[in-house]
Amino acid sequence: MMKEVTTKAKPETGQFPALLREVFASPPYNSDPRREMMLNHILAGRQATLDRILPILAYLNQEIDQMSVLDAGCGSGMGTAALTDAGFRKIVGFDLGWETIGLPLAPTRTFHPDASITFIQANGFKIPLASNSIDFCWSSFVVEHIPTPYPFFQEIFRVLAPGGIVY
């Protein structure tokens, strides 16, 4: 049975660093000597995600706030939040298990207030979306974890609308 969570975006988008620091101040992270390094790595990762998206936005030259986006392998949702920061407003994120979909870092998921985001637990080999329903698929740090990526890409291209883009 697929579990689905739809969330109206939180208005405190600019609070990301403070919320992340709050998470790392509580157990189990507060006792980890690598806490500051992990925190800086996560913050840098979100900025790197934005840095990769911005050139794509310039190339697309479309109304990105109207595009439907798939964040394939969304993990904690940090990339999803970066997508909302970049201007995307309709996003579906999926990952294998709820433990990876933001539970450890849930407070770090701050989204643009106008964004509509749905997180689903799903396998990349059987994405529970209609064919031709996604305009832009974003998948970051995922393929290297898939032993046989060809079926994953087949499924991505099934849900991608004609003229859609995969990054």
Foldseek 3Di string as FASTA:
>chain_A
DKDKDKDQFDAPLVCQLVLQVVLCCDPPNVPDPCSVVVSVVLVVVLVVLLVVVVVVCVVVPDQQCPFEEEAEQCFQVSSVQSSQVNPHAHYEYEHADPVRPNPSPVSNRGHHNRHIYMYMHDDLLDDPAAFQAGQEYEYPPDQVVDPDCPSSVVSVNRNHHVNHYYD
